[in-house]
Amino acid sequence: MIDLILQTLGFAAPILAMIGLGLFGAGVLMEMGLLGGLSRISRPIFSFTRLPDACASAFVVSLGSAVAANGMVAKFREEGRLEEKEVVLCAVMNSIPVYLRELFTYQIPIVIPALGLVVGGFYAGVFIVTALFKISVVVILSKLFLRKSVCRLPEEIQEERVSFLEAARRSIRRQRRLFLKIAAIYLTMTAAVFALRDRGVFEAFSVLPLAELFGIPPESIVPLTTYVASPIVGISLLGPMIASNGISELQAMIVLMLGSMFMLPFFAARSLLPRYVGLFGPRLGVGIVALSSGMSIFVRLVILLLLLAVGR
């Protein structure tokens, strides 16, 4: 037992230290006004679309809260300022800032330290590719189906400016609970992986057809199925396997793509569908969720096929 605890702490401590520093740094950046920079970045994007100015105003709000932004879109629709096609594309655009925020608050501080620079960086890159793909689809569909107009973003969003010390205090206060939750999960799962591996438990999965089909080790079925229920737990399980050479980096990437493809429909049904149906009604709400989630799944499917082709 003592050897297991020491092995777990020796492996997890430096990674948790990086995660803690990453969460703290991300919190400081957000507290000191990153949203203004994001609004400047998004200005050229909207110039390529035919979305109305009302969508651009909602997008600026989505830099802080996608729920509030979609509430604005629903109100614009009720007032007759937006047509249904514009509502759908506007709602998809309002999901883009989530990818940007998660890059700084989830991918860089949590995923990359947990999975390593290669696999973690790859996974962060998938998020960026997904965001770019969604933007491209919105631009193309707006050109095809919307009336010709030039969309202008409102002037730069005004944000509260705080000092570095105040931003640091706020970051520690807001990120502390998340870090403790991640640390508890990571330590528990790392110990479980090491204990099960030492007892040869993973060999019991050697006949699972899914592992054979995708060319991944049988033990990777555990983090794969766990990822569907909780990505953080799945990543916590996968990290030690990569570090101990129980699974290659390419195989880990395949597991991540499979896991996220299975997870996204459950996440959409559990979290997104009630929210969008409540705002836009059953028909439009389901359509928005299906389009947005379908694009995310499509990107992962294409990347999965490329990974499988490389692995052969």
Protein backbone atom coordinates (compact mmCIF):
# COMPACT_ATOMS: atom_id res chain seq x y z
CA MET A 1 0.00 0.00 0.00
CA ILE A 2 2.81 2.41 0.92
CA ASP A 3 4.58 1.66 -2.36
CA LEU A 4 1.35 2.38 -4.25
CA ILE A 5 0.88 5.71 -2.43
CA LEU A 6 4.48 6.76 -3.10
CA GLN A 7 4.23 5.72 -6.75
CA THR A 8 0.97 7.65 -7.15
CA LEU A 9 2.29 10.80 -5.46
CA GLY A 10 5.56 10.66 -7.37
CA PHE A 11 3.73 10.54 -10.67
CA ALA A 12 0.81 12.87 -9.87
CA ALA A 13 2.45 15.63 -7.81
CA PRO A 14 4.32 17.42 -10.64
CA ILE A 15 1.33 17.14 -12.94
CA LEU A 16 -1.04 18.53 -10.30
CA ALA A 17 1.42 21.36 -9.67
CA MET A 18 1.31 22.27 -13.38
CA ILE A 19 -2.48 22.03 -13.39
CA GLY A 20 -2.69 24.32 -10.35
CA LEU A 21 -0.39 26.90 -11.91
CA GLY A 22 -2.28 26.67 -15.20
CA LEU A 23 -5.66 27.21 -13.54
CA PHE A 24 -4.27 30.15 -11.56
CA GLY A 25 -2.75 31.75 -14.66
CA ALA A 26 -5.91 31.24 -16.69
CA GLY A 27 -7.97 32.80 -13.92
CA VAL A 28 -5.69 35.84 -13.76
CA LEU A 29 -5.93 36.36 -17.52
CA MET A 30 -9.72 36.16 -17.43
CA GLU A 31 -9.98 38.50 -14.43
CA MET A 32 -7.71 41.08 -16.09
CA GLY A 33 -9.90 41.43 -19.18
CA LEU A 34 -9.24 38.82 -21.84
CA LEU A 35 -12.74 39.32 -23.28
CA GLY A 36 -11.86 42.64 -24.86
CA GLY A 37 -9.07 40.97 -26.79
CA LEU A 38 -11.42 38.26 -27.99
CA SER A 39 -13.89 40.83 -29.28
CA ARG A 40 -11.14 42.43 -31.37
CA ILE A 41 -10.17 39.02 -32.79
CA SER A 42 -13.77 38.28 -33.77
CA ARG A 43 -14.30 41.54 -35.66
CA PRO A 44 -12.75 40.32 -38.97
CA ILE A 45 -14.69 37.03 -38.73
CA PHE A 46 -18.06 38.74 -38.78
CA SER A 47 -17.05 40.90 -41.72
CA PHE A 48 -17.12 37.73 -43.88
CA THR A 49 -20.65 36.72 -42.90
CA ARG A 50 -24.09 37.98 -43.87
CA LEU A 51 -25.41 37.78 -40.34
CA PRO A 52 -27.35 40.86 -39.16
CA ASP A 53 -25.88 43.29 -36.65
CA ALA A 54 -28.17 41.88 -33.95
CA CYS A 55 -26.21 38.60 -34.12
CA ALA A 56 -22.94 40.47 -33.76
CA SER A 57 -24.24 42.21 -30.62
CA ALA A 58 -25.28 38.85 -29.16
CA PHE A 59 -21.86 37.38 -30.02
CA VAL A 60 -20.11 40.06 -27.96
CA VAL A 61 -22.30 39.08 -25.00
CA SER A 62 -21.45 35.39 -25.62
CA LEU A 63 -17.81 36.20 -24.86
CA GLY A 64 -19.00 36.40 -21.27
CA SER A 65 -22.05 34.12 -21.27
CA ALA A 66 -23.46 31.98 -24.08
CA VAL A 67 -26.73 31.60 -22.16
CA ALA A 68 -27.22 35.37 -21.93
CA ALA A 69 -26.30 35.76 -25.61
CA ASN A 70 -28.81 33.16 -26.73
CA GLY A 71 -31.40 34.82 -24.52
CA MET A 72 -30.79 37.98 -26.55
CA VAL A 73 -31.17 36.03 -29.79
CA ALA A 74 -34.49 34.58 -28.59
CA LYS A 75 -35.70 38.08 -27.74
CA PHE A 76 -34.63 39.43 -31.15
CA ARG A 77 -36.58 36.58 -32.76
CA GLU A 78 -39.72 37.40 -30.77
CA GLU A 79 -39.39 41.03 -31.84
CA GLY A 80 -39.19 39.96 -35.49
CA ARG A 81 -35.63 41.23 -35.94
CA LEU A 82 -34.23 37.79 -36.82
CA GLU A 83 -35.48 35.07 -39.15
CA GLU A 84 -35.21 31.41 -38.24
CA LYS A 85 -32.15 30.81 -40.46
CA GLU A 86 -30.41 33.76 -38.84
CA VAL A 87 -31.32 32.48 -35.37
CA VAL A 88 -29.77 29.07 -36.08
CA LEU A 89 -26.50 30.48 -37.44
CA CYS A 90 -26.34 33.11 -34.71
CA ALA A 91 -26.79 30.47 -31.99
CA VAL A 92 -24.00 28.37 -33.52
CA MET A 93 -21.70 31.42 -33.57
CA ASN A 94 -22.49 32.06 -29.90
CA SER A 95 -20.97 28.65 -29.09
CA ILE A 96 -17.56 29.61 -30.52
CA PRO A 97 -16.30 31.60 -27.49
CA VAL A 98 -16.75 28.46 -25.38
CA TYR A 99 -13.89 26.88 -27.32
CA LEU A 100 -11.70 29.94 -26.78
CA ARG A 101 -12.43 30.06 -23.05
CA GLU A 102 -11.86 26.32 -22.63
CA LEU A 103 -8.52 26.62 -24.39
CA PHE A 104 -7.30 28.82 -21.53
CA THR A 105 -9.33 27.37 -18.64
CA TYR A 106 -9.36 23.65 -19.49
CA GLN A 107 -7.05 22.57 -22.31
CA ILE A 108 -3.85 24.40 -21.38
CA PRO A 109 -4.05 24.19 -17.58
CA ILE A 110 -5.61 20.71 -17.22
CA VAL A 111 -5.52 18.53 -20.34
CA ILE A 112 -1.96 19.25 -21.54
CA PRO A 113 -0.33 18.63 -18.11
CA ALA A 114 -2.43 15.48 -17.61
CA LEU A 115 -1.84 13.93 -21.04
CA GLY A 116 1.53 15.41 -21.97
CA LEU A 117 2.47 17.98 -24.56
CA VAL A 118 1.96 15.75 -27.61
CA VAL A 119 -1.40 14.12 -26.77
CA GLY A 120 -2.71 17.06 -24.76
CA GLY A 121 -1.62 19.50 -27.44
CA PHE A 122 -3.32 17.34 -30.05
CA TYR A 123 -6.57 17.37 -28.09
CA ALA A 124 -6.42 21.14 -27.66
CA GLY A 125 -5.81 21.40 -31.40
CA VAL A 126 -8.99 19.40 -32.07
CA PHE A 127 -10.95 22.04 -30.17
CA ILE A 128 -9.38 24.80 -32.27
CA VAL A 129 -10.10 22.92 -35.50
CA THR A 130 -13.71 22.40 -34.40
CA ALA A 131 -14.15 26.11 -33.72
CA LEU A 132 -12.65 27.04 -37.09
CA PHE A 133 -14.82 24.47 -38.86
CA LYS A 134 -17.98 25.85 -37.24
CA ILE A 135 -17.02 29.40 -38.20
CA SER A 136 -16.39 28.30 -41.79
CA VAL A 137 -19.75 26.52 -41.98
CA VAL A 138 -21.56 29.60 -40.62
CA VAL A 139 -19.80 31.85 -43.13
CA ILE A 140 -20.66 29.53 -46.06
CA LEU A 141 -24.29 29.01 -45.00
CA SER A 142 -24.79 32.73 -44.42
CA LYS A 143 -23.52 33.44 -47.94
CA LEU A 144 -25.82 30.79 -49.39
CA PHE A 145 -29.05 31.43 -47.49
CA LEU A 146 -29.06 34.98 -46.09
CA ARG A 147 -29.66 38.31 -47.77
CA LYS A 148 -26.58 40.31 -48.69
CA SER A 149 -25.49 42.61 -45.88
CA VAL A 150 -22.37 43.62 -43.99
CA CYS A 151 -22.28 42.55 -40.36
CA ARG A 152 -20.60 45.00 -37.98
CA LEU A 153 -19.58 44.21 -34.45
CA PRO A 154 -20.43 46.87 -31.86
CA GLU A 155 -17.62 48.86 -30.40
CA GLU A 156 -15.29 47.15 -27.98
CA ILE A 157 -16.92 45.62 -24.94
CA GLN A 158 -16.32 47.49 -21.71
CA GLU A 159 -14.89 45.37 -18.94
CA GLU A 160 -13.94 45.92 -15.34
CA ARG A 161 -10.20 46.42 -15.05
CA VAL A 162 -8.46 45.13 -11.93
CA SER A 163 -4.90 45.08 -10.68
CA PHE A 164 -2.75 41.98 -10.90
CA LEU A 165 -2.95 41.38 -7.14
CA GLU A 166 -6.74 41.64 -7.14
CA ALA A 167 -6.92 39.38 -10.21
CA ALA A 168 -4.68 36.86 -8.42
CA ARG A 169 -6.87 36.90 -5.31
CA ARG A 170 -10.02 36.38 -7.37
CA SER A 171 -8.37 33.63 -9.39
CA ILE A 172 -7.33 31.70 -6.27
CA ARG A 173 -10.79 32.07 -4.76
CA ARG A 174 -12.64 30.93 -7.90
CA GLN A 175 -10.27 28.19 -9.06
CA ARG A 176 -9.58 26.61 -5.66
CA ARG A 177 -12.66 24.36 -5.59
CA LEU A 178 -12.09 23.18 -9.18
CA PHE A 179 -8.44 22.36 -8.45
CA LEU A 180 -9.30 20.36 -5.32
CA LYS A 181 -11.93 18.41 -7.26
CA ILE A 182 -9.49 17.66 -10.08
CA ALA A 183 -6.73 16.72 -7.62
CA ALA A 184 -9.00 14.27 -5.78
CA ILE A 185 -10.12 12.62 -9.02
CA TYR A 186 -6.62 12.51 -10.49
CA LEU A 187 -4.98 11.00 -7.40
CA THR A 188 -7.74 8.40 -7.02
CA MET A 189 -7.70 7.36 -10.66
CA THR A 190 -3.90 7.29 -10.89
CA ALA A 191 -3.74 5.00 -7.86
CA ALA A 192 -6.47 2.81 -9.35
CA VAL A 193 -4.65 2.47 -12.69
CA PHE A 194 -1.37 1.55 -11.03
CA ALA A 195 -3.05 -0.94 -8.69
CA LEU A 196 -5.09 -2.63 -11.43
CA ARG A 197 -2.13 -2.77 -13.79
CA ASP A 198 0.08 -4.41 -11.12
CA ARG A 199 -2.60 -7.05 -10.53
CA GLY A 200 -3.00 -7.80 -14.26
CA VAL A 201 -6.68 -6.85 -14.25
CA PHE A 202 -6.50 -5.19 -17.68
CA GLU A 203 -5.62 -8.48 -19.35
CA ALA A 204 -9.21 -9.60 -18.71
CA PHE A 205 -10.35 -7.22 -21.46
CA SER A 206 -8.17 -8.83 -24.14
CA VAL A 207 -11.11 -10.22 -26.10
CA LEU A 208 -13.11 -7.02 -26.34
CA PRO A 209 -13.90 -6.49 -30.04
CA LEU A 210 -13.76 -2.69 -29.84
CA ALA A 211 -10.07 -2.77 -28.96
CA GLU A 212 -9.35 -5.07 -31.90
CA LEU A 213 -11.43 -3.02 -34.30
CA PHE A 214 -9.59 0.24 -33.64
CA GLY A 215 -6.17 -1.19 -32.89
CA ILE A 216 -5.99 0.03 -29.29
CA PRO A 217 -4.84 -1.91 -26.20
CA PRO A 218 -7.63 -3.65 -24.25
CA GLU A 219 -6.89 -1.63 -21.11
CA SER A 220 -7.78 1.56 -22.99
CA ILE A 221 -11.44 0.44 -22.96
CA VAL A 222 -11.60 1.53 -19.31
CA PRO A 223 -10.71 5.22 -19.87
CA LEU A 224 -12.70 5.17 -23.12
CA THR A 225 -15.95 4.16 -21.43
CA THR A 226 -15.22 6.36 -18.42
CA TYR A 227 -14.60 9.37 -20.67
CA VAL A 228 -18.17 9.14 -21.99
CA ALA A 229 -19.49 9.70 -18.45
CA SER A 230 -16.82 12.18 -17.35
CA PRO A 231 -14.03 13.54 -19.60
CA ILE A 232 -11.92 14.62 -16.61
CA VAL A 233 -12.02 11.11 -15.11
CA GLY A 234 -11.27 9.54 -18.50
CA ILE A 235 -8.29 11.84 -19.00
CA SER A 236 -7.12 11.09 -15.46
CA LEU A 237 -7.12 7.39 -16.31
CA LEU A 238 -5.45 7.84 -19.70
CA GLY A 239 -2.58 10.01 -18.45
CA PRO A 240 -0.83 7.33 -16.34
CA MET A 241 -1.24 4.79 -19.16
CA ILE A 242 0.61 7.10 -21.56
CA ALA A 243 3.33 7.83 -19.01
CA SER A 244 3.88 4.13 -18.25
CA ASN A 245 3.94 3.20 -21.96
CA GLY A 246 0.82 1.10 -21.51
CA ILE A 247 -0.61 2.87 -24.52
CA SER A 248 1.12 4.77 -27.32
CA GLU A 249 0.49 8.44 -28.04
CA LEU A 250 -1.26 7.59 -31.32
CA GLN A 251 -3.49 5.05 -29.57
CA ALA A 252 -4.29 7.62 -26.89
CA MET A 253 -5.38 10.07 -29.58
CA ILE A 254 -7.68 7.40 -31.06
CA VAL A 255 -9.18 6.74 -27.62
CA LEU A 256 -9.82 10.47 -27.12
CA MET A 257 -11.57 10.79 -30.48
CA LEU A 258 -13.71 7.71 -29.85
CA GLY A 259 -14.57 8.83 -26.34
CA SER A 260 -15.52 12.34 -27.37
CA MET A 261 -17.63 11.05 -30.29
CA PHE A 262 -19.64 8.87 -27.90
CA MET A 263 -19.75 11.56 -25.21
CA LEU A 264 -21.00 14.47 -27.33
CA PRO A 265 -24.54 13.09 -28.00
CA PHE A 266 -25.01 12.38 -24.28
CA PHE A 267 -23.75 15.86 -23.38
CA ALA A 268 -26.02 17.45 -25.98
CA ALA A 269 -29.09 15.56 -24.74
CA ARG A 270 -28.34 16.16 -21.07
CA SER A 271 -27.10 19.77 -21.06
CA LEU A 272 -27.72 21.55 -24.36
CA LEU A 273 -31.12 20.28 -25.48
CA PRO A 274 -33.16 21.48 -22.47
CA ARG A 275 -31.52 24.90 -22.66
CA TYR A 276 -32.04 25.47 -26.38
CA VAL A 277 -35.55 24.02 -26.46
CA GLY A 278 -36.47 26.32 -23.59
CA LEU A 279 -35.17 29.36 -25.47
CA PHE A 280 -36.18 28.61 -29.06
CA GLY A 281 -38.90 25.96 -28.87
CA PRO A 282 -38.72 22.24 -29.71
CA ARG A 283 -38.26 22.41 -33.49
CA LEU A 284 -35.67 25.19 -33.63
CA GLY A 285 -33.94 24.14 -30.40
CA VAL A 286 -33.44 20.56 -31.56
CA GLY A 287 -32.23 21.82 -34.95
CA ILE A 288 -29.60 24.09 -33.40
CA VAL A 289 -28.29 21.37 -31.07
CA ALA A 290 -28.24 18.80 -33.89
CA LEU A 291 -26.34 21.13 -36.24
CA SER A 292 -23.80 22.28 -33.66
CA SER A 293 -23.18 18.82 -32.14
CA GLY A 294 -23.18 17.20 -35.59
CA MET A 295 -20.36 19.49 -36.72
CA SER A 296 -18.32 18.64 -33.61
CA ILE A 297 -18.83 14.90 -34.13
CA PHE A 298 -17.99 15.20 -37.85
CA VAL A 299 -14.64 16.88 -37.08
CA ARG A 300 -13.74 14.12 -34.63
CA LEU A 301 -14.80 11.41 -37.09
CA VAL A 302 -12.57 12.84 -39.82
CA ILE A 303 -9.62 13.11 -37.42
CA LEU A 304 -10.28 9.56 -36.16
CA LEU A 305 -10.21 8.19 -39.72
CA LEU A 306 -6.94 10.04 -40.36
CA LEU A 307 -5.42 8.60 -37.18
CA LEU A 308 -6.52 5.08 -38.12
CA ALA A 309 -5.00 5.54 -41.59
CA VAL A 310 -1.71 6.69 -40.06
CA GLY A 311 -1.68 3.78 -37.64
CA ARG A 312 -1.94 1.14 -40.34
